[in-house]
Protein backbone atom coordinates (compact mmCIF):
# COMPACT_ATOMS: atom_id res chain seq x y z
CA UNK A 1 -11.75 1.29 -12.38
CA UNK A 2 -9.81 1.26 -15.62
CA UNK A 3 -7.43 -1.53 -16.49
CA UNK A 4 -7.18 -5.24 -16.82
CA UNK A 5 -9.50 -5.82 -13.87
CA UNK A 6 -12.30 -4.53 -16.09
CA UNK A 7 -13.82 -7.33 -18.23
CA UNK A 8 -13.44 -5.32 -21.44
CA UNK A 9 -9.78 -4.75 -20.62
CA UNK A 10 -9.26 -8.46 -19.98
CA UNK A 11 -10.80 -9.22 -23.34
CA UNK A 12 -8.56 -6.65 -25.03
CA UNK A 13 -5.47 -8.06 -23.34
CA UNK A 14 -6.39 -11.52 -24.62
CA UNK A 15 -6.94 -10.10 -28.11
CA UNK A 16 -3.61 -8.28 -28.00
CA UNK A 17 -1.81 -11.51 -27.10
CA UNK A 18 -3.47 -13.29 -30.02
CA UNK A 19 -2.80 -10.71 -32.72
CA UNK A 20 0.62 -9.69 -31.31
CA UNK A 21 1.05 -6.77 -33.72
CA UNK A 22 -0.97 -3.54 -33.74
CA UNK A 23 -0.52 -1.19 -36.71
CA UNK A 24 -0.18 2.40 -35.55
CA UNK A 25 -1.45 4.66 -38.30
CA UNK A 26 -1.35 8.41 -38.79
CA UNK A 27 -3.84 9.18 -41.52
CA UNK A 28 -4.11 12.44 -43.46
CA UNK A 29 -7.31 11.68 -45.39
CA UNK A 30 -10.23 10.07 -43.63
CA UNK A 31 -11.49 8.88 -47.00
CA UNK A 32 -8.61 6.37 -47.03
CA UNK A 33 -9.50 4.86 -43.67
CA UNK A 34 -11.93 2.15 -44.77
CA UNK A 35 -9.74 0.78 -47.57
CA UNK A 36 -6.73 0.80 -45.26
CA UNK A 37 -8.58 -0.99 -42.48
CA UNK A 38 -9.90 -3.64 -44.85
CA UNK A 39 -6.38 -4.21 -46.18
CA UNK A 40 -4.98 -4.68 -42.68
CA UNK A 41 -7.83 -6.94 -41.57
CA UNK A 42 -7.45 -9.10 -44.68
CA UNK A 43 -3.74 -9.46 -43.90
CA UNK A 44 -4.53 -10.70 -40.39
CA UNK A 45 -4.01 -7.49 -38.42
CA UNK A 46 -7.50 -6.52 -37.21
CA UNK A 47 -6.48 -4.36 -34.22
CA UNK A 48 -5.64 -0.90 -35.56
CA UNK A 49 -4.57 2.20 -33.68
CA UNK A 50 -5.42 5.47 -35.46
CA UNK A 51 -3.47 8.34 -33.96
CA UNK A 52 -5.04 11.72 -33.28
CA UNK A 53 -2.03 13.54 -34.70
CA UNK A 54 -4.07 14.85 -37.63
CA UNK A 55 -7.50 16.39 -38.00
CA UNK A 56 -8.57 13.29 -39.95
CA UNK A 57 -8.03 10.97 -36.99
CA UNK A 58 -11.49 11.08 -35.44
CA UNK A 59 -13.28 10.83 -38.77
CA UNK A 60 -11.06 7.89 -39.71
CA UNK A 61 -11.96 6.09 -36.47
CA UNK A 62 -15.64 6.79 -37.06
CA UNK A 63 -15.51 5.46 -40.61
CA UNK A 64 -13.69 2.27 -39.64
CA UNK A 65 -15.97 1.63 -36.67
CA UNK A 66 -19.01 2.04 -38.92
CA UNK A 67 -17.92 0.32 -42.12
CA UNK A 68 -15.33 -2.32 -41.14
CA UNK A 69 -16.98 -4.49 -38.47
CA UNK A 70 -14.09 -6.97 -38.41
CA UNK A 71 -11.66 -4.23 -37.37
CA UNK A 72 -10.99 -3.43 -33.72
CA UNK A 73 -10.14 0.24 -34.04
CA UNK A 74 -8.64 2.38 -31.31
CA UNK A 75 -7.35 5.91 -30.80
CA UNK A 76 -3.70 6.75 -30.23
CA UNK A 77 -1.79 9.87 -29.21
CA UNK A 78 -4.59 10.80 -26.82
CA UNK A 79 -3.18 13.58 -24.65
CA UNK A 80 -6.16 14.77 -22.63
CA UNK A 81 -9.53 13.65 -21.31
CA UNK A 82 -11.49 15.50 -23.98
CA UNK A 83 -9.69 13.72 -26.79
CA UNK A 84 -10.37 10.38 -25.13
CA UNK A 85 -14.06 11.15 -24.78
CA UNK A 86 -14.30 12.25 -28.41
CA UNK A 87 -12.51 9.13 -29.58
CA UNK A 88 -14.81 6.80 -27.67
CA UNK A 89 -17.85 8.64 -29.01
CA UNK A 90 -16.42 8.21 -32.53
CA UNK A 91 -16.27 4.45 -32.00
CA UNK A 92 -12.80 3.79 -30.61
CA UNK A 93 -12.68 0.45 -28.81
CA UNK A 94 -9.50 1.28 -26.93
CA UNK A 95 -7.52 4.39 -26.08
CA UNK A 96 -3.73 4.82 -26.06
CA UNK A 97 -1.71 7.76 -24.78
CA UNK A 98 2.00 8.54 -25.20
CA UNK A 99 2.36 9.15 -21.46
CA UNK A 100 0.35 8.96 -18.27
CA UNK A 101 -1.28 11.80 -16.30
CA UNK A 102 -3.62 11.90 -13.35
CA UNK A 103 -6.29 13.54 -15.50
CA UNK A 104 -6.15 10.75 -18.07
CA UNK A 105 -6.25 8.05 -15.41
CA UNK A 106 -9.29 9.71 -13.82
CA UNK A 107 -11.08 10.12 -17.16
CA UNK A 108 -10.35 6.57 -18.29
CA UNK A 109 -12.66 5.22 -15.60
CA UNK A 110 -15.59 6.76 -17.53
CA UNK A 111 -14.60 5.70 -21.05
CA UNK A 112 -15.87 2.12 -20.76
CA UNK A 113 -13.09 0.96 -23.10
CA UNK A 114 -9.59 -0.29 -22.29
CA UNK A 115 -6.94 2.36 -21.73
CA UNK A 116 -3.24 1.79 -22.44
CA UNK A 117 -1.22 4.61 -20.91
CA UNK A 118 2.29 5.22 -22.13
CA UNK A 119 5.04 4.62 -19.61
CA UNK A 120 8.82 4.74 -19.79
CA UNK A 121 9.85 4.39 -16.14
CA UNK A 122 9.05 2.03 -13.28
CA UNK A 123 7.42 4.92 -11.40
CA UNK A 124 5.01 5.64 -14.26
CA UNK A 125 4.21 1.94 -14.57
CA UNK A 126 3.52 1.63 -10.85
CA UNK A 127 1.28 4.70 -10.99
CA UNK A 128 -0.83 3.11 -13.70
CA UNK A 129 -0.84 -0.23 -11.88
CA UNK A 130 -2.23 1.51 -8.78
CA UNK A 131 -5.33 2.20 -10.90
CA UNK A 132 -5.67 -1.44 -11.89
CA UNK A 133 -3.98 -1.13 -15.26
CA UNK A 134 -1.62 -4.00 -15.96
CA UNK A 135 -1.36 -3.80 -19.76
CA UNK A 136 0.32 -0.59 -20.84
CA UNK A 137 2.37 0.91 -23.63
CA UNK A 138 6.16 1.13 -23.35
CA UNK A 139 7.01 4.30 -25.24
CA UNK A 140 9.27 5.23 -26.89
CA UNK A 141 10.46 1.66 -26.57
CA UNK A 142 13.76 1.67 -28.42
CA UNK A 143 14.83 5.03 -27.02
CA UNK A 144 14.22 4.13 -23.36
CA UNK A 145 15.97 0.77 -23.33
CA UNK A 146 13.81 -1.56 -25.35
CA UNK A 147 14.31 -5.27 -24.82
CA UNK A 148 16.92 -4.79 -22.09
CA UNK A 149 14.61 -2.53 -20.09
CA UNK A 150 11.73 -4.98 -20.37
CA UNK A 151 13.96 -7.82 -19.18
CA UNK A 152 14.97 -5.71 -16.18
CA UNK A 153 11.35 -4.92 -15.31
CA UNK A 154 10.12 -8.51 -15.41
CA UNK A 155 11.28 -9.45 -11.91
CA UNK A 156 10.23 -6.35 -9.90
CA UNK A 157 6.97 -5.85 -11.86
CA UNK A 158 5.92 -9.42 -12.69
CA UNK A 159 2.21 -8.65 -13.01
CA UNK A 160 2.63 -6.06 -15.77
CA UNK A 161 2.37 -6.64 -19.50
CA UNK A 162 3.50 -4.25 -22.21
CA UNK A 163 2.84 -3.17 -25.76
CA UNK A 164 6.20 -1.67 -26.81
CA UNK A 165 5.82 1.08 -29.41
CA UNK A 166 8.35 3.47 -30.86
CA UNK A 167 11.14 2.16 -33.04
CA UNK A 168 9.59 -1.28 -33.53
CA UNK A 169 10.30 -2.70 -36.98
CA UNK A 170 9.96 -5.86 -39.00
CA UNK A 171 13.54 -6.69 -37.98
CA UNK A 172 13.23 -6.31 -34.21
CA UNK A 173 9.59 -7.14 -33.50
CA UNK A 174 10.30 -10.83 -32.87
CA UNK A 175 12.85 -10.00 -30.13
CA UNK A 176 10.19 -8.07 -28.25
CA UNK A 177 7.49 -10.68 -28.78
CA UNK A 178 9.77 -13.36 -27.34
CA UNK A 179 9.69 -11.66 -23.92
CA UNK A 180 7.20 -13.03 -21.38
CA UNK A 181 6.06 -9.55 -20.31
CA UNK A 182 5.26 -8.42 -23.87
CA UNK A 183 1.67 -9.03 -24.98
CA UNK A 184 2.01 -7.31 -28.36
CA UNK A 185 3.95 -4.62 -30.18
CA UNK A 186 2.79 -1.53 -32.01
CA UNK A 187 4.37 -0.03 -35.08
CA UNK A 188 3.94 1.78 -38.36
CA UNK A 189 6.36 -0.10 -40.59
CA UNK A 190 3.62 -1.98 -42.43
CA UNK A 191 1.91 1.31 -43.40
CA UNK A 192 4.69 3.46 -44.93
CA UNK A 193 3.76 7.11 -45.38
CA UNK A 194 4.47 7.05 -49.12
CA UNK A 195 2.41 3.91 -49.69
CA UNK A 196 -0.53 5.32 -47.76
CA UNK A 197 -0.35 8.62 -49.65
CA UNK A 198 -0.32 6.68 -52.93
CA UNK A 199 -3.15 4.41 -51.75
CA UNK A 200 -0.94 1.47 -52.58
CA UNK A 201 -3.07 -1.11 -50.77
CA UNK A 202 -1.19 -3.96 -52.45
CA UNK A 203 2.13 -2.91 -50.94
CA UNK A 204 0.57 -2.28 -47.53
CA UNK A 205 -1.12 -5.67 -47.72
CA UNK A 206 2.21 -7.38 -48.43
CA UNK A 207 3.95 -5.60 -45.57
CA UNK A 208 1.08 -6.35 -43.20
CA UNK A 209 1.11 -10.02 -44.15
CA UNK A 210 4.86 -10.14 -43.52
CA UNK A 211 4.30 -8.54 -40.13
CA UNK A 212 1.68 -11.13 -39.35
CA UNK A 213 4.18 -13.84 -40.20
CA UNK A 214 6.52 -12.47 -37.53
CA UNK A 215 3.69 -12.75 -35.02
CA UNK A 216 3.06 -16.41 -35.86
CA UNK A 217 6.66 -17.64 -35.58
């Protein structure tokens, strides 16, 4: 069974609570992956979600998994079972999807890595919880109610923890992290598209360090 009842999922949930912030990165050139991962790890953000929105995604995951042992790399924007399988084979240590489907829930049982399905409604959350998953992604967080929604869910769904993603920024991350049902947040603000395209690791390092400071307040 997938979810927090699985020892690897429990370990990931504990890691998520410690790091608090997960960079969500869409990478165009896999050759940039190792330098980016090292920059984020050095800044104190070792858990990195590489989305599968580009053809470079799988190769980026493979490179980080092979060459940056201190990184805990995962795959994001996984929309079907085949993508999840490919990501795990490439070295992904966790899998994240924007939504939740029966096919993904079924496949996740065979991935042997934690799975964070995306959910935006109580019904979707309960569906994932029925499979033993109690740490999931709230997406798109800001658009579906954000902090107010999470506060409303705390009483009826007290056993669930969330990683809000979608519209999370340096300015609002702390408000999410202050909630008892938020284990961590995911976001891209510390890896701006222009900085990544320019390979400006210094700027990314500064932004990542500032994000880490939010997590330690």
